[in-house]
Amino acid sequence: FNLLWILSGRMRDHNKALEKSRTRSLEFEHAASVDVLTGLHNRRWLDDVLPRQVRRAEMQGEPLSVLMVDIDHFKRFNDQWGHATGDFVLFGVSQLMRERLRPTDLLARYGGEELTAVLPKTDGPGARVAAERLRCAIASTPFELQDGTLLPNVTISIGVADAAAGRSAAEMLAAADEALYRAKRNGRNR
């Protein structure tokens, strides 16, 4: 009886250790795929998820679109008010994206001040409507620092691309990026 009690105690201890290890592994996996500043997924996660989304949409015959979002004149916030203010603006824009896009849309920080939204079951015209709604929401939201300082109007430029037949994830991102730079060349906030 004593031996059984000892063995069952050891098994419980090993099970607890395994569960703790599994929990830590999940925490590390989460940390590796989430941007600390914005709370959005990171580029590594996007590079893994977007190709799967493209394949799924293609197999199911559903539309899929991507938004590439860039904060206009972002360097100005960093240069004039400091990097903490730039971080505040980046965080605020990412939160507005979370609020204004659908819960099923997938958001990621692409790099720097560029953010990406993957819009499942959304064709090009639908994505342009979502992009315009997002652009207007951000342009009309005041950004106020904790000390009461009101920042200049924050605006974004957005590039939109859809999953045209045979277009890969990389090609979608490249098309959205090109559309983004066209919006910037044409005056930003568009």
Foldseek 3Di string as FASTA:
>chain_A
DVVVVVVVVVVVVVVVVVVVVVVVVVVVVLVVQADPLQRAGEQVVCVVVLQVLLVVCVVVVAKKKKKKKAKPPLVCQCVVVRVVSSSLLLNVLSVLCCVQDDPPWHKYAHDDSIIMIMDTRAHQVRVVVSVLSSQVVQQPDWRADPVGDTDPGIGMFMFMFMSDPPQGSVNNVVNRVVRRVVCVVVPGSD
